[in-house]
Amino acid sequence: MIPLDIEYDSSQTWVKYKPNNPKTPESFKRTLVLRNDNSKLDSYYITPTGEKLRSRKEIAAYLEDHPQPSGVSASDFDFSSPKVLKETIPEFVEQQKDSIKKKKTKITKDEV
């Protein structure tokens, strides 16, 4: 096993990036938002005009309507997100997820 450069614990939620992530196009900002259940991060792009875009389809539509950034295409945007390390998710979040799963359990006809 390879020793870690740093030690992590559940006082914070940690993520692991994949290598060689593409650079965000100039004048755009990339935002990562952690879901309420800490299961994953969602990627969004903020445009130079302040709009929040959630998909390549939205990016393509924006670029069609705003041809300002020359040489920028929808394929320049990467919506992949770092992986949340499950062992760093705080215990209270795990307990909440478990209780939600129990509530969503279906009752079969035989149980009624």
C-alpha atoms as a PDB file:
ATOM      1  CA  MET A   1       0.000   0.000   0.000  1.00  0.00           C
ATOM      2  CA  ILE A   2       1.314   3.442  -0.923  1.00  0.00           C
ATOM      3  CA  PRO A   3       1.574   5.867   2.006  1.00  0.00           C
ATOM      4  CA  LEU A   4      -0.588   8.985   1.748  1.00  0.00           C
ATOM      5  CA  ASP A   5       0.934  12.468   1.618  1.00  0.00           C
ATOM      6  CA  ILE A   6      -1.755  13.670   4.021  1.00  0.00           C
ATOM      7  CA  GLU A   7      -4.118  11.957   6.383  1.00  0.00           C
ATOM      8  CA  TYR A   8      -7.834  12.587   6.110  1.00  0.00           C
ATOM      9  CA  ASP A   9     -10.721  12.030   8.477  1.00  0.00           C
ATOM     10  CA  SER A  10     -14.470  12.635   8.574  1.00  0.00           C
ATOM     11  CA  SER A  11     -14.177  16.203   9.909  1.00  0.00           C
ATOM     12  CA  GLN A  12     -14.299  17.270   6.231  1.00  0.00           C
ATOM     13  CA  THR A  13     -15.555  15.672   3.045  1.00  0.00           C
ATOM     14  CA  TRP A  14     -12.645  14.879   0.739  1.00  0.00           C
ATOM     15  CA  VAL A  15     -12.623  14.352  -3.011  1.00  0.00           C
ATOM     16  CA  LYS A  16     -10.223  12.784  -5.471  1.00  0.00           C
ATOM     17  CA  TYR A  17      -9.556  14.461  -8.808  1.00  0.00           C
ATOM     18  CA  LYS A  18      -8.792  12.547 -11.974  1.00  0.00           C
ATOM     19  CA  PRO A  19      -5.518  13.558 -13.616  1.00  0.00           C
ATOM     20  CA  ASN A  20      -5.346  15.846 -16.661  1.00  0.00           C
ATOM     21  CA  ASN A  21      -8.582  17.780 -16.185  1.00  0.00           C
ATOM     22  CA  PRO A  22      -9.021  20.250 -19.050  1.00  0.00           C
ATOM     23  CA  LYS A  23      -8.604  23.923 -18.280  1.00  0.00           C
ATOM     24  CA  THR A  24     -11.781  26.014 -18.006  1.00  0.00           C
ATOM     25  CA  PRO A  25     -12.158  28.322 -21.019  1.00  0.00           C
ATOM     26  CA  GLU A  26     -11.135  31.921 -20.400  1.00  0.00           C
ATOM     27  CA  SER A  27     -13.849  34.245 -18.998  1.00  0.00           C
ATOM     28  CA  PHE A  28     -15.900  31.262 -17.709  1.00  0.00           C
ATOM     29  CA  LYS A  29     -15.845  29.954 -14.142  1.00  0.00           C
ATOM     30  CA  ARG A  30     -16.337  26.346 -13.118  1.00  0.00           C
ATOM     31  CA  THR A  31     -18.197  25.615  -9.899  1.00  0.00           C
ATOM     32  CA  LEU A  32     -18.519  22.315  -8.069  1.00  0.00           C
ATOM     33  CA  VAL A  33     -21.478  21.868  -5.722  1.00  0.00           C
ATOM     34  CA  LEU A  34     -21.670  19.052  -3.181  1.00  0.00           C
ATOM     35  CA  ARG A  35     -25.087  17.379  -3.104  1.00  0.00           C
ATOM     36  CA  ASN A  36     -27.006  17.430   0.191  1.00  0.00           C
ATOM     37  CA  ASP A  37     -26.400  13.722   0.736  1.00  0.00           C
ATOM     38  CA  ASN A  38     -22.646  14.153   0.065  1.00  0.00           C
ATOM     39  CA  SER A  39     -22.857  11.451  -2.611  1.00  0.00           C
ATOM     40  CA  LYS A  40     -21.253  13.446  -5.416  1.00  0.00           C
ATOM     41  CA  LEU A  41     -20.332  16.841  -6.781  1.00  0.00           C
ATOM     42  CA  ASP A  42     -22.176  18.519  -9.631  1.00  0.00           C
ATOM     43  CA  SER A  43     -20.276  20.689 -12.142  1.00  0.00           C
ATOM     44  CA  TYR A  44     -21.623  24.014 -13.353  1.00  0.00           C
ATOM     45  CA  TYR A  45     -20.166  26.757 -15.491  1.00  0.00           C
ATOM     46  CA  ILE A  46     -20.775  30.442 -14.868  1.00  0.00           C
ATOM     47  CA  THR A  47     -20.722  32.469 -18.082  1.00  0.00           C
ATOM     48  CA  PRO A  48     -19.183  35.934 -18.515  1.00  0.00           C
ATOM     49  CA  THR A  49     -22.764  37.282 -18.320  1.00  0.00           C
ATOM     50  CA  GLY A  50     -23.397  35.474 -14.995  1.00  0.00           C
ATOM     51  CA  GLU A  51     -25.617  32.651 -16.260  1.00  0.00           C
ATOM     52  CA  LYS A  52     -25.294  29.216 -14.639  1.00  0.00           C
ATOM     53  CA  LEU A  53     -25.040  26.406 -17.206  1.00  0.00           C
ATOM     54  CA  ARG A  54     -25.539  22.774 -16.225  1.00  0.00           C
ATOM     55  CA  SER A  55     -24.939  20.784 -19.435  1.00  0.00           C
ATOM     56  CA  ARG A  56     -23.173  20.751 -22.800  1.00  0.00           C
ATOM     57  CA  LYS A  57     -26.533  21.404 -24.437  1.00  0.00           C
ATOM     58  CA  GLU A  58     -26.925  24.616 -22.400  1.00  0.00           C
ATOM     59  CA  ILE A  59     -23.315  25.563 -23.204  1.00  0.00           C
ATOM     60  CA  ALA A  60     -23.925  25.064 -26.956  1.00  0.00           C
ATOM     61  CA  ALA A  61     -27.076  27.198 -26.827  1.00  0.00           C
ATOM     62  CA  TYR A  62     -25.250  29.926 -24.901  1.00  0.00           C
ATOM     63  CA  LEU A  63     -22.329  29.962 -27.363  1.00  0.00           C
ATOM     64  CA  GLU A  64     -24.767  30.157 -30.269  1.00  0.00           C
ATOM     65  CA  ASP A  65     -26.488  33.187 -28.712  1.00  0.00           C
ATOM     66  CA  HIS A  66     -23.245  34.802 -27.462  1.00  0.00           C
ATOM     67  CA  PRO A  67     -20.482  34.271 -30.042  1.00  0.00           C
ATOM     68  CA  GLN A  68     -18.152  36.607 -28.084  1.00  0.00           C
ATOM     69  CA  PRO A  69     -15.588  34.075 -26.863  1.00  0.00           C
ATOM     70  CA  SER A  70     -13.946  33.208 -30.148  1.00  0.00           C
ATOM     71  CA  GLY A  71     -12.510  29.727 -30.537  1.00  0.00           C
ATOM     72  CA  VAL A  72     -14.591  28.306 -27.663  1.00  0.00           C
ATOM     73  CA  SER A  73     -16.836  25.303 -28.322  1.00  0.00           C
ATOM     74  CA  ALA A  74     -19.076  23.112 -26.173  1.00  0.00           C
ATOM     75  CA  SER A  75     -16.460  20.354 -26.286  1.00  0.00           C
ATOM     76  CA  ASP A  76     -14.065  22.628 -24.335  1.00  0.00           C
ATOM     77  CA  PHE A  77     -16.210  22.192 -21.217  1.00  0.00           C
ATOM     78  CA  ASP A  78     -15.751  19.213 -18.915  1.00  0.00           C
ATOM     79  CA  PHE A  79     -18.615  18.280 -16.602  1.00  0.00           C
ATOM     80  CA  SER A  80     -16.823  15.393 -14.905  1.00  0.00           C
ATOM     81  CA  SER A  81     -16.487  15.795 -11.162  1.00  0.00           C
ATOM     82  CA  PRO A  82     -14.020  14.623  -8.560  1.00  0.00           C
ATOM     83  CA  LYS A  83     -15.017  11.473  -6.703  1.00  0.00           C
ATOM     84  CA  VAL A  84     -16.196  11.914  -3.106  1.00  0.00           C
ATOM     85  CA  LEU A  85     -14.217   9.656  -0.776  1.00  0.00           C
ATOM     86  CA  LYS A  86     -16.951   7.741   1.052  1.00  0.00           C
ATOM     87  CA  GLU A  87     -14.825   7.173   4.130  1.00  0.00           C
ATOM     88  CA  THR A  88     -14.710  10.947   4.733  1.00  0.00           C
ATOM     89  CA  ILE A  89     -18.475  11.529   4.653  1.00  0.00           C
ATOM     90  CA  PRO A  90     -19.498  12.611   8.176  1.00  0.00           C
ATOM     91  CA  GLU A  91     -21.400  10.002  10.212  1.00  0.00           C
ATOM     92  CA  PHE A  92     -24.516  12.151  10.621  1.00  0.00           C
ATOM     93  CA  VAL A  93     -24.873  12.360   6.824  1.00  0.00           C
ATOM     94  CA  GLU A  94     -24.593   8.571   6.521  1.00  0.00           C
ATOM     95  CA  GLN A  95     -27.256   8.166   9.229  1.00  0.00           C
ATOM     96  CA  GLN A  96     -29.577  10.566   7.385  1.00  0.00           C
ATOM     97  CA  LYS A  97     -29.108   8.611   4.139  1.00  0.00           C
ATOM     98  CA  ASP A  98     -29.910   5.334   5.926  1.00  0.00           C
ATOM     99  CA  SER A  99     -33.114   6.728   7.453  1.00  0.00           C
ATOM    100  CA  ILE A 100     -34.243   8.085   4.070  1.00  0.00           C
ATOM    101  CA  LYS A 101     -33.662   4.667   2.466  1.00  0.00           C
ATOM    102  CA  LYS A 102     -35.799   3.020   5.160  1.00  0.00           C
ATOM    103  CA  LYS A 103     -38.646   5.467   4.488  1.00  0.00           C
ATOM    104  CA  LYS A 104     -38.537   4.742   0.752  1.00  0.00           C
ATOM    105  CA  THR A 105     -38.878   0.967   1.218  1.00  0.00           C
ATOM    106  CA  LYS A 106     -41.923  -0.327  -0.679  1.00  0.00           C
ATOM    107  CA  ILE A 107     -44.568  -2.428   0.995  1.00  0.00           C
ATOM    108  CA  THR A 108     -45.671  -5.471  -0.970  1.00  0.00           C
ATOM    109  CA  LYS A 109     -49.263  -6.745  -1.123  1.00  0.00           C
ATOM    110  CA  ASP A 110     -48.315  -9.679   1.122  1.00  0.00           C
ATOM    111  CA  GLU A 111     -47.249  -7.330   3.915  1.00  0.00           C
ATOM    112  CA  VAL A 112     -50.587  -5.474   4.054  1.00  0.00           C
END
